Amino acid sequence: MIRRMGAALCAALTVLCCIPAVAEAVEVSATACVLMDADSGRVLYEKNGRQRMLIASTTKLMTALVALEQGTLTDVVTVTASHMAEGSSMYLRAGEKLTLEELLYGLLLCSGNDAALAVTECAGGLEPFVALMNEKAAALGMADTHFANPNGLDDEEHYSTARDMAQLARAAVNEPTLLRMASTRQASIGGRTLTNHNKLLGRMEGCLGLKTGYTKAAGRTLVSCAEKDGRRLVAVTLRDGDDWNDHEALYRWGFMLTGAENELRARLLRAAENVGKR
């Protein structure tokens, strides 16, 4: 019996010894980065995770969450001149009427800054909507986050951290409508063909989407989610010129790490069961 126990424990320790080697095998170009287990919230990898930074259009994950809480998909919004905005756009026209669902596709696929302003009507306009964004951030434990607008345009009072954005991503993947939209590659809305900016959807098996972002001041930002063998991970990179490759590398590493941990637990459990039978 002692020999069997020793063999089982040695096998488990072999797997355990692999985990530190795996943990050192990932490097990213991002200024700040977090890889997190979407279910437990456990941080698997972190680089400057608590550093406050500009987050660009990844902001729109919070915009979508709040809009889905405040309105219904069939609500109709009349576009006004005040909804026009600089930067990325779904090219709304004043007087046009769209449902909240259509605006959310424009928000999440082509990152429409105009769509972001239009959806605020579901909460009574820009100021009350942004206040709700900050309330939601507090509720999610995003202690180092403050929103000044719904689209992510640069503002000194608009910032977050990689850790906080990973918490936002966890909430986003648990909102089925948001996840459905964020994982859609292309949609036709009001005569427009909207294409998702997230290239990971076509590059990486198991990618569930989420949100890209860019401004000159913020650099490239990306929040994504991937699933493998029933486990979901979320990744956040801020100011990262090689974000597509970095997210793929993070997921390869993360799933390898969690796979090794699961194998270790299984072997230790089998060893304990075998001891108990004798």
C-alpha atoms as a PDB file:
ATOM      1  CA  MET A   1       0.000   0.000   0.000  1.00  0.00           C
ATOM      2  CA  ILE A   2       2.816   2.373   0.894  1.00  0.00           C
ATOM      3  CA  ARG A   3       4.404   1.726  -2.516  1.00  0.00           C
ATOM      4  CA  ARG A   4       1.128   2.538  -4.280  1.00  0.00           C
ATOM      5  CA  MET A   5       0.718   5.729  -2.238  1.00  0.00           C
ATOM      6  CA  GLY A   6       4.267   6.732  -3.046  1.00  0.00           C
ATOM      7  CA  ALA A   7       3.794   6.111  -6.768  1.00  0.00           C
ATOM      8  CA  ALA A   8       0.578   8.143  -6.867  1.00  0.00           C
ATOM      9  CA  LEU A   9       2.146  11.013  -4.952  1.00  0.00           C
ATOM     10  CA  CYS A  10       5.239  10.971  -7.168  1.00  0.00           C
ATOM     11  CA  ALA A  11       3.040  11.170 -10.252  1.00  0.00           C
ATOM     12  CA  ALA A  12       1.132  14.080  -8.744  1.00  0.00           C
ATOM     13  CA  LEU A  13       4.345  15.875  -7.793  1.00  0.00           C
ATOM     14  CA  THR A  14       5.572  15.449 -11.363  1.00  0.00           C
ATOM     15  CA  VAL A  15       2.537  17.391 -12.583  1.00  0.00           C
ATOM     16  CA  LEU A  16       2.989  19.946  -9.779  1.00  0.00           C
ATOM     17  CA  CYS A  17       6.590  20.542 -10.781  1.00  0.00           C
ATOM     18  CA  CYS A  18       5.449  21.369 -14.307  1.00  0.00           C
ATOM     19  CA  ILE A  19       3.262  24.233 -13.127  1.00  0.00           C
ATOM     20  CA  PRO A  20       6.046  26.739 -12.273  1.00  0.00           C
ATOM     21  CA  ALA A  21       7.672  26.021 -15.639  1.00  0.00           C
ATOM     22  CA  VAL A  22       4.413  26.742 -17.402  1.00  0.00           C
ATOM     23  CA  ALA A  23       3.923  29.898 -15.329  1.00  0.00           C
ATOM     24  CA  GLU A  24       7.189  31.372 -16.576  1.00  0.00           C
ATOM     25  CA  ALA A  25       6.504  30.635 -20.220  1.00  0.00           C
ATOM     26  CA  VAL A  26       4.407  33.713 -21.165  1.00  0.00           C
ATOM     27  CA  GLU A  27       5.488  37.246 -21.992  1.00  0.00           C
ATOM     28  CA  VAL A  28       3.350  40.084 -23.356  1.00  0.00           C
ATOM     29  CA  SER A  29       4.016  43.462 -24.941  1.00  0.00           C
ATOM     30  CA  ALA A  30       1.237  45.203 -23.012  1.00  0.00           C
ATOM     31  CA  THR A  31       1.936  47.914 -20.459  1.00  0.00           C
ATOM     32  CA  ALA A  32      -0.718  46.285 -18.271  1.00  0.00           C
ATOM     33  CA  CYS A  33      -2.278  42.848 -18.499  1.00  0.00           C
ATOM     34  CA  VAL A  34      -4.414  40.398 -16.529  1.00  0.00           C
ATOM     35  CA  LEU A  35      -5.510  36.847 -17.281  1.00  0.00           C
ATOM     36  CA  MET A  36      -8.325  35.718 -14.986  1.00  0.00           C
ATOM     37  CA  ASP A  37     -10.494  32.665 -14.471  1.00  0.00           C
ATOM     38  CA  ALA A  38     -13.958  33.864 -15.474  1.00  0.00           C
ATOM     39  CA  ASP A  39     -15.742  31.633 -12.983  1.00  0.00           C
ATOM     40  CA  SER A  40     -13.672  32.015  -9.818  1.00  0.00           C
ATOM     41  CA  GLY A  41     -12.073  35.414 -10.421  1.00  0.00           C
ATOM     42  CA  ARG A  42      -8.625  33.949  -9.705  1.00  0.00           C
ATOM     43  CA  VAL A  43      -5.814  35.910 -11.334  1.00  0.00           C
ATOM     44  CA  LEU A  44      -3.597  33.562 -13.341  1.00  0.00           C
ATOM     45  CA  TYR A  45      -1.233  36.169 -14.771  1.00  0.00           C
ATOM     46  CA  GLU A  46      -0.713  39.840 -14.038  1.00  0.00           C
ATOM     47  CA  LYS A  47       1.492  42.685 -15.223  1.00  0.00           C
ATOM     48  CA  ASN A  48       0.831  46.139 -13.743  1.00  0.00           C
ATOM     49  CA  GLY A  49      -2.701  44.969 -13.126  1.00  0.00           C
ATOM     50  CA  ARG A  50      -3.580  47.796 -10.713  1.00  0.00           C
ATOM     51  CA  GLN A  51      -2.144  50.653 -12.794  1.00  0.00           C
ATOM     52  CA  ARG A  52      -4.790  53.223 -13.749  1.00  0.00           C
ATOM     53  CA  MET A  53      -4.851  53.732 -17.496  1.00  0.00           C
ATOM     54  CA  LEU A  54      -6.992  54.938 -20.384  1.00  0.00           C
ATOM     55  CA  ILE A  55      -9.172  52.116 -21.714  1.00  0.00           C
ATOM     56  CA  ALA A  56     -10.623  53.505 -24.969  1.00  0.00           C
ATOM     57  CA  SER A  57     -13.592  51.599 -26.427  1.00  0.00           C
ATOM     58  CA  THR A  58     -13.369  48.625 -24.071  1.00  0.00           C
ATOM     59  CA  THR A  59     -15.493  51.069 -22.022  1.00  0.00           C
ATOM     60  CA  LYS A  60     -18.419  49.943 -24.179  1.00  0.00           C
ATOM     61  CA  LEU A  61     -18.709  46.659 -22.298  1.00  0.00           C
ATOM     62  CA  MET A  62     -19.960  48.686 -19.337  1.00  0.00           C
ATOM     63  CA  THR A  63     -22.155  50.782 -21.646  1.00  0.00           C
ATOM     64  CA  ALA A  64     -23.784  47.603 -22.961  1.00  0.00           C
ATOM     65  CA  LEU A  65     -24.278  46.127 -19.474  1.00  0.00           C
ATOM     66  CA  VAL A  66     -25.989  49.261 -18.182  1.00  0.00           C
ATOM     67  CA  ALA A  67     -28.129  49.617 -21.315  1.00  0.00           C
ATOM     68  CA  LEU A  68     -29.336  46.033 -21.006  1.00  0.00           C
ATOM     69  CA  GLU A  69     -30.247  46.639 -17.367  1.00  0.00           C
ATOM     70  CA  GLN A  70     -32.069  49.913 -18.055  1.00  0.00           C
ATOM     71  CA  GLY A  71     -33.896  49.158 -21.297  1.00  0.00           C
ATOM     72  CA  THR A  72     -35.412  46.385 -23.370  1.00  0.00           C
ATOM     73  CA  LEU A  73     -34.119  45.274 -26.763  1.00  0.00           C
ATOM     74  CA  THR A  74     -37.283  46.450 -28.505  1.00  0.00           C
ATOM     75  CA  ASP A  75     -37.116  50.013 -27.140  1.00  0.00           C
ATOM     76  CA  VAL A  76     -36.979  52.501 -30.031  1.00  0.00           C
ATOM     77  CA  VAL A  77     -34.490  55.394 -29.930  1.00  0.00           C
ATOM     78  CA  THR A  78     -34.756  58.413 -32.227  1.00  0.00           C
ATOM     79  CA  VAL A  79     -31.292  59.573 -33.256  1.00  0.00           C
ATOM     80  CA  THR A  80     -30.533  63.281 -32.787  1.00  0.00           C
ATOM     81  CA  ALA A  81     -27.649  65.541 -33.749  1.00  0.00           C
ATOM     82  CA  SER A  82     -26.418  65.340 -30.141  1.00  0.00           C
ATOM     83  CA  HIS A  83     -25.637  61.641 -30.669  1.00  0.00           C
ATOM     84  CA  MET A  84     -23.032  62.351 -33.330  1.00  0.00           C
ATOM     85  CA  ALA A  85     -19.448  61.795 -32.137  1.00  0.00           C
ATOM     86  CA  GLU A  86     -15.873  61.764 -33.355  1.00  0.00           C
ATOM     87  CA  GLY A  87     -13.977  58.559 -33.970  1.00  0.00           C
ATOM     88  CA  SER A  88     -15.404  55.137 -34.810  1.00  0.00           C
ATOM     89  CA  SER A  89     -19.029  55.220 -35.902  1.00  0.00           C
ATOM     90  CA  MET A  90     -21.992  53.198 -37.106  1.00  0.00           C
ATOM     91  CA  TYR A  91     -22.921  56.292 -39.150  1.00  0.00           C
ATOM     92  CA  LEU A  92     -26.235  57.139 -37.551  1.00  0.00           C
ATOM     93  CA  ARG A  93     -28.385  59.840 -39.123  1.00  0.00           C
ATOM     94  CA  ALA A  94     -30.439  62.425 -37.223  1.00  0.00           C
ATOM     95  CA  GLY A  95     -34.122  61.439 -37.274  1.00  0.00           C
ATOM     96  CA  GLU A  96     -33.367  57.743 -37.781  1.00  0.00           C
ATOM     97  CA  LYS A  97     -35.194  55.328 -35.478  1.00  0.00           C
ATOM     98  CA  LEU A  98     -33.447  52.186 -34.268  1.00  0.00           C
ATOM     99  CA  THR A  99     -34.150  49.661 -31.551  1.00  0.00           C
ATOM    100  CA  LEU A 100     -31.856  49.341 -28.566  1.00  0.00           C
ATOM    101  CA  GLU A 101     -30.788  45.939 -29.901  1.00  0.00           C
ATOM    102  CA  GLU A 102     -29.703  47.455 -33.214  1.00  0.00           C
ATOM    103  CA  LEU A 103     -27.776  50.188 -31.430  1.00  0.00           C
ATOM    104  CA  LEU A 104     -26.030  47.635 -29.234  1.00  0.00           C
ATOM    105  CA  TYR A 105     -24.820  45.755 -32.296  1.00  0.00           C
ATOM    106  CA  GLY A 106     -23.413  49.046 -33.579  1.00  0.00           C
ATOM    107  CA  LEU A 107     -21.818  49.624 -30.194  1.00  0.00           C
ATOM    108  CA  LEU A 108     -20.162  46.216 -29.855  1.00  0.00           C
ATOM    109  CA  LEU A 109     -19.297  45.253 -33.435  1.00  0.00           C
ATOM    110  CA  CYS A 110     -18.072  48.415 -35.144  1.00  0.00           C
ATOM    111  CA  SER A 111     -17.536  50.311 -31.868  1.00  0.00           C
ATOM    112  CA  GLY A 112     -19.858  53.181 -32.762  1.00  0.00           C
ATOM    113  CA  ASN A 113     -19.261  56.214 -30.583  1.00  0.00           C
ATOM    114  CA  ASP A 114     -22.539  57.555 -31.929  1.00  0.00           C
ATOM    115  CA  ALA A 115     -24.316  54.361 -30.887  1.00  0.00           C
ATOM    116  CA  ALA A 116     -22.874  54.749 -27.385  1.00  0.00           C
ATOM    117  CA  LEU A 117     -24.445  58.183 -27.050  1.00  0.00           C
ATOM    118  CA  ALA A 118     -27.764  57.032 -28.514  1.00  0.00           C
ATOM    119  CA  VAL A 119     -28.176  54.123 -26.088  1.00  0.00           C
ATOM    120  CA  THR A 120     -27.926  56.515 -23.126  1.00  0.00           C
ATOM    121  CA  GLU A 121     -31.514  57.536 -23.928  1.00  0.00           C
ATOM    122  CA  CYS A 122     -32.681  54.329 -22.225  1.00  0.00           C
ATOM    123  CA  ALA A 123     -31.671  55.922 -18.896  1.00  0.00           C
ATOM    124  CA  GLY A 124     -32.793  59.469 -19.609  1.00  0.00           C
ATOM    125  CA  GLY A 125     -29.684  60.811 -21.310  1.00  0.00           C
ATOM    126  CA  LEU A 126     -25.929  61.101 -21.001  1.00  0.00           C
ATOM    127  CA  GLU A 127     -25.421  62.305 -17.422  1.00  0.00           C
ATOM    128  CA  PRO A 128     -27.748  59.846 -15.661  1.00  0.00           C
ATOM    129  CA  PHE A 129     -26.416  57.020 -17.811  1.00  0.00           C
ATOM    130  CA  VAL A 130     -22.768  57.732 -16.923  1.00  0.00           C
ATOM    131  CA  ALA A 131     -23.757  57.926 -13.252  1.00  0.00           C
ATOM    132  CA  LEU A 132     -25.236  54.426 -13.603  1.00  0.00           C
ATOM    133  CA  MET A 133     -22.010  53.218 -15.215  1.00  0.00           C
ATOM    134  CA  ASN A 134     -20.080  54.329 -12.148  1.00  0.00           C
ATOM    135  CA  GLU A 135     -22.644  52.776  -9.820  1.00  0.00           C
ATOM    136  CA  LYS A 136     -22.289  49.486 -11.681  1.00  0.00           C
ATOM    137  CA  ALA A 137     -18.494  49.699 -11.498  1.00  0.00           C
ATOM    138  CA  ALA A 138     -18.713  50.101  -7.715  1.00  0.00           C
ATOM    139  CA  ALA A 139     -21.108  47.158  -7.475  1.00  0.00           C
ATOM    140  CA  LEU A 140     -18.640  44.981  -9.402  1.00  0.00           C
ATOM    141  CA  GLY A 141     -15.782  45.968  -7.086  1.00  0.00           C
ATOM    142  CA  MET A 142     -14.002  48.052  -9.730  1.00  0.00           C
ATOM    143  CA  ALA A 143     -12.364  50.280  -7.121  1.00  0.00           C
ATOM    144  CA  ASP A 144      -9.829  51.880  -9.487  1.00  0.00           C
ATOM    145  CA  THR A 145     -12.279  52.798 -12.242  1.00  0.00           C
ATOM    146  CA  HIS A 146     -14.157  55.969 -13.137  1.00  0.00           C
ATOM    147  CA  PHE A 147     -16.223  56.603 -16.261  1.00  0.00           C
ATOM    148  CA  ALA A 148     -16.729  60.056 -17.768  1.00  0.00           C
ATOM    149  CA  ASN A 149     -18.529  58.972 -20.952  1.00  0.00           C
ATOM    150  CA  PRO A 150     -20.122  55.885 -22.539  1.00  0.00           C
ATOM    151  CA  ASN A 151     -17.772  55.546 -25.527  1.00  0.00           C
ATOM    152  CA  GLY A 152     -14.240  55.649 -24.105  1.00  0.00           C
ATOM    153  CA  LEU A 153     -13.012  58.874 -25.681  1.00  0.00           C
ATOM    154  CA  ASP A 154      -9.998  60.231 -23.779  1.00  0.00           C
ATOM    155  CA  ASP A 155     -10.727  62.123 -20.581  1.00  0.00           C
ATOM    156  CA  GLU A 156      -8.654  62.621 -17.418  1.00  0.00           C
ATOM    157  CA  GLU A 157     -11.602  61.372 -15.378  1.00  0.00           C
ATOM    158  CA  HIS A 158     -12.062  58.258 -17.498  1.00  0.00           C
ATOM    159  CA  TYR A 159      -9.788  55.378 -16.489  1.00  0.00           C
ATOM    160  CA  SER A 160      -9.590  51.820 -15.248  1.00  0.00           C
ATOM    161  CA  THR A 161      -7.079  49.040 -14.606  1.00  0.00           C
ATOM    162  CA  ALA A 162      -6.461  45.651 -16.168  1.00  0.00           C
ATOM    163  CA  ARG A 163      -7.755  43.978 -12.992  1.00  0.00           C
ATOM    164  CA  ASP A 164     -10.942  46.025 -12.950  1.00  0.00           C
ATOM    165  CA  MET A 165     -11.557  45.424 -16.640  1.00  0.00           C
ATOM    166  CA  ALA A 166     -11.175  41.687 -16.065  1.00  0.00           C
ATOM    167  CA  GLN A 167     -13.916  41.931 -13.435  1.00  0.00           C
ATOM    168  CA  LEU A 168     -16.059  43.773 -15.970  1.00  0.00           C
ATOM    169  CA  ALA A 169     -15.350  41.025 -18.515  1.00  0.00           C
ATOM    170  CA  ARG A 170     -16.530  38.393 -16.015  1.00  0.00           C
ATOM    171  CA  ALA A 171     -19.831  40.264 -15.674  1.00  0.00           C
ATOM    172  CA  ALA A 172     -20.103  40.654 -19.441  1.00  0.00           C
ATOM    173  CA  VAL A 173     -19.720  36.945 -20.196  1.00  0.00           C
ATOM    174  CA  ASN A 174     -22.490  36.190 -17.701  1.00  0.00           C
ATOM    175  CA  GLU A 175     -24.906  38.460 -19.609  1.00  0.00           C
ATOM    176  CA  PRO A 176     -26.189  36.160 -22.385  1.00  0.00           C
ATOM    177  CA  THR A 177     -27.434  38.909 -24.701  1.00  0.00           C
ATOM    178  CA  LEU A 178     -24.211  40.884 -24.458  1.00  0.00           C
ATOM    179  CA  LEU A 179     -22.142  37.750 -25.064  1.00  0.00           C
ATOM    180  CA  ARG A 180     -24.261  36.812 -28.077  1.00  0.00           C
ATOM    181  CA  MET A 181     -23.721  40.214 -29.620  1.00  0.00           C
ATOM    182  CA  ALA A 182     -20.019  40.483 -28.767  1.00  0.00           C
ATOM    183  CA  SER A 183     -19.364  37.107 -30.402  1.00  0.00           C
ATOM    184  CA  THR A 184     -21.239  37.977 -33.626  1.00  0.00           C
ATOM    185  CA  ARG A 185     -18.874  38.481 -36.561  1.00  0.00           C
ATOM    186  CA  GLN A 186     -21.214  40.424 -38.811  1.00  0.00           C
ATOM    187  CA  ALA A 187     -24.728  41.880 -38.694  1.00  0.00           C
ATOM    188  CA  SER A 188     -26.978  43.876 -41.029  1.00  0.00           C
ATOM    189  CA  ILE A 189     -28.588  46.883 -39.330  1.00  0.00           C
ATOM    190  CA  GLY A 190     -30.714  49.480 -41.119  1.00  0.00           C
ATOM    191  CA  GLY A 191     -29.053  48.865 -44.476  1.00  0.00           C
ATOM    192  CA  ARG A 192     -25.572  48.809 -42.919  1.00  0.00           C
ATOM    193  CA  THR A 193     -23.266  45.821 -42.734  1.00  0.00           C
ATOM    194  CA  LEU A 194     -21.501  45.880 -39.384  1.00  0.00           C
ATOM    195  CA  THR A 195     -18.303  43.842 -38.988  1.00  0.00           C
ATOM    196  CA  ASN A 196     -16.839  42.933 -35.622  1.00  0.00           C
ATOM    197  CA  HIS A 197     -13.426  44.551 -35.042  1.00  0.00           C
ATOM    198  CA  ASN A 198     -12.327  41.620 -32.873  1.00  0.00           C
ATOM    199  CA  LYS A 199     -10.020  39.543 -35.094  1.00  0.00           C
ATOM    200  CA  LEU A 200      -9.624  36.872 -32.416  1.00  0.00           C
ATOM    201  CA  LEU A 201     -13.056  35.536 -33.398  1.00  0.00           C
ATOM    202  CA  GLY A 202     -11.581  34.364 -36.694  1.00  0.00           C
ATOM    203  CA  ARG A 203      -8.086  33.579 -35.474  1.00  0.00           C
ATOM    204  CA  MET A 204      -8.618  31.537 -32.341  1.00  0.00           C
ATOM    205  CA  GLU A 205     -10.756  28.504 -31.657  1.00  0.00           C
ATOM    206  CA  GLY A 206     -12.858  28.954 -28.551  1.00  0.00           C
ATOM    207  CA  CYS A 207     -12.842  32.756 -28.578  1.00  0.00           C
ATOM    208  CA  LEU A 208     -16.151  34.156 -27.300  1.00  0.00           C
ATOM    209  CA  GLY A 209     -15.429  37.729 -28.343  1.00  0.00           C
ATOM    210  CA  LEU A 210     -15.777  40.864 -26.182  1.00  0.00           C
ATOM    211  CA  LYS A 211     -14.300  44.274 -27.078  1.00  0.00           C
ATOM    212  CA  THR A 212     -11.470  46.108 -28.813  1.00  0.00           C
ATOM    213  CA  GLY A 213     -10.410  49.705 -28.295  1.00  0.00           C
ATOM    214  CA  TYR A 214      -8.018  52.342 -29.579  1.00  0.00           C
ATOM    215  CA  THR A 215      -7.199  56.008 -29.230  1.00  0.00           C
ATOM    216  CA  LYS A 216      -3.846  57.646 -29.831  1.00  0.00           C
ATOM    217  CA  ALA A 217      -3.481  58.389 -26.123  1.00  0.00           C
ATOM    218  CA  ALA A 218      -4.675  54.984 -24.881  1.00  0.00           C
ATOM    219  CA  GLY A 219      -3.011  52.854 -27.544  1.00  0.00           C
ATOM    220  CA  ARG A 220      -4.529  49.493 -28.411  1.00  0.00           C
ATOM    221  CA  THR A 221      -6.725  47.967 -25.715  1.00  0.00           C
ATOM    222  CA  LEU A 222      -8.411  44.583 -25.812  1.00  0.00           C
ATOM    223  CA  VAL A 223     -10.708  42.600 -23.527  1.00  0.00           C
ATOM    224  CA  SER A 224     -11.500  39.037 -24.609  1.00  0.00           C
ATOM    225  CA  CYS A 225     -12.852  35.715 -23.398  1.00  0.00           C
ATOM    226  CA  ALA A 226     -12.072  32.155 -24.469  1.00  0.00           C
ATOM    227  CA  GLU A 227     -13.437  28.766 -23.494  1.00  0.00           C
ATOM    228  CA  LYS A 228     -11.857  25.315 -23.526  1.00  0.00           C
ATOM    229  CA  ASP A 229     -12.989  22.065 -21.902  1.00  0.00           C
ATOM    230  CA  GLY A 230     -15.742  23.886 -20.033  1.00  0.00           C
ATOM    231  CA  ARG A 231     -13.413  26.486 -18.511  1.00  0.00           C
ATOM    232  CA  ARG A 232     -13.640  30.179 -19.392  1.00  0.00           C
ATOM    233  CA  LEU A 233     -10.775  32.631 -19.080  1.00  0.00           C
ATOM    234  CA  VAL A 234     -10.807  36.388 -19.663  1.00  0.00           C
ATOM    235  CA  ALA A 235      -7.807  38.423 -20.783  1.00  0.00           C
ATOM    236  CA  VAL A 236      -7.183  42.175 -20.681  1.00  0.00           C
ATOM    237  CA  THR A 237      -4.306  44.038 -22.309  1.00  0.00           C
ATOM    238  CA  LEU A 238      -3.871  47.817 -22.118  1.00  0.00           C
ATOM    239  CA  ARG A 239      -1.521  49.762 -24.405  1.00  0.00           C
ATOM    240  CA  ASP A 240      -0.442  46.709 -26.375  1.00  0.00           C
ATOM    241  CA  GLY A 241       0.862  46.952 -29.939  1.00  0.00           C
ATOM    242  CA  ASP A 242       0.759  43.160 -30.355  1.00  0.00           C
ATOM    243  CA  ASP A 243      -2.553  42.395 -28.704  1.00  0.00           C
ATOM    244  CA  TRP A 244      -3.845  39.645 -31.016  1.00  0.00           C
ATOM    245  CA  ASN A 245      -0.728  37.528 -30.564  1.00  0.00           C
ATOM    246  CA  ASP A 246      -0.516  38.321 -26.863  1.00  0.00           C
ATOM    247  CA  HIS A 247      -4.081  37.177 -26.185  1.00  0.00           C
ATOM    248  CA  GLU A 248      -3.515  33.949 -28.086  1.00  0.00           C
ATOM    249  CA  ALA A 249      -0.323  33.327 -26.089  1.00  0.00           C
ATOM    250  CA  LEU A 250      -2.072  34.109 -22.802  1.00  0.00           C
ATOM    251  CA  TYR A 251      -4.843  31.626 -23.533  1.00  0.00           C
ATOM    252  CA  ARG A 252      -2.430  28.879 -24.608  1.00  0.00           C
ATOM    253  CA  TRP A 253      -0.527  29.398 -21.385  1.00  0.00           C
ATOM    254  CA  GLY A 254      -3.606  29.763 -19.212  1.00  0.00           C
ATOM    255  CA  PHE A 255      -5.337  26.633 -20.440  1.00  0.00           C
ATOM    256  CA  MET A 256      -2.089  24.691 -20.142  1.00  0.00           C
ATOM    257  CA  LEU A 257      -1.713  25.892 -16.558  1.00  0.00           C
ATOM    258  CA  THR A 258      -5.282  25.112 -15.540  1.00  0.00           C
ATOM    259  CA  GLY A 259      -5.060  21.750 -17.288  1.00  0.00           C
ATOM    260  CA  ALA A 260      -1.952  20.874 -15.277  1.00  0.00           C
ATOM    261  CA  GLU A 261      -3.669  21.957 -12.068  1.00  0.00           C
ATOM    262  CA  ASN A 262      -6.732  19.862 -12.856  1.00  0.00           C
ATOM    263  CA  GLU A 263      -4.560  16.845 -13.571  1.00  0.00           C
ATOM    264  CA  LEU A 264      -2.777  17.328 -10.249  1.00  0.00           C
ATOM    265  CA  ARG A 265      -6.063  17.505  -8.358  1.00  0.00           C
ATOM    266  CA  ALA A 266      -7.330  14.382 -10.101  1.00  0.00           C
ATOM    267  CA  ARG A 267      -4.188  12.405  -9.256  1.00  0.00           C
ATOM    268  CA  LEU A 268      -4.204  13.510  -5.624  1.00  0.00           C
ATOM    269  CA  LEU A 269      -7.896  12.580  -5.369  1.00  0.00           C
ATOM    270  CA  ARG A 270      -7.254   9.136  -6.858  1.00  0.00           C
ATOM    271  CA  ALA A 271      -4.346   8.637  -4.459  1.00  0.00           C
ATOM    272  CA  ALA A 272      -6.540   9.569  -1.487  1.00  0.00           C
ATOM    273  CA  GLU A 273      -9.317   7.239  -2.670  1.00  0.00           C
ATOM    274  CA  ASN A 274      -6.883   4.352  -3.075  1.00  0.00           C
ATOM    275  CA  VAL A 275      -5.548   4.884   0.434  1.00  0.00           C
ATOM    276  CA  GLY A 276      -9.088   4.975   1.793  1.00  0.00           C
ATOM    277  CA  LYS A 277      -9.911   1.612   0.211  1.00  0.00           C
ATOM    278  CA  ARG A 278      -7.030  -0.120   1.993  1.00  0.00           C
END
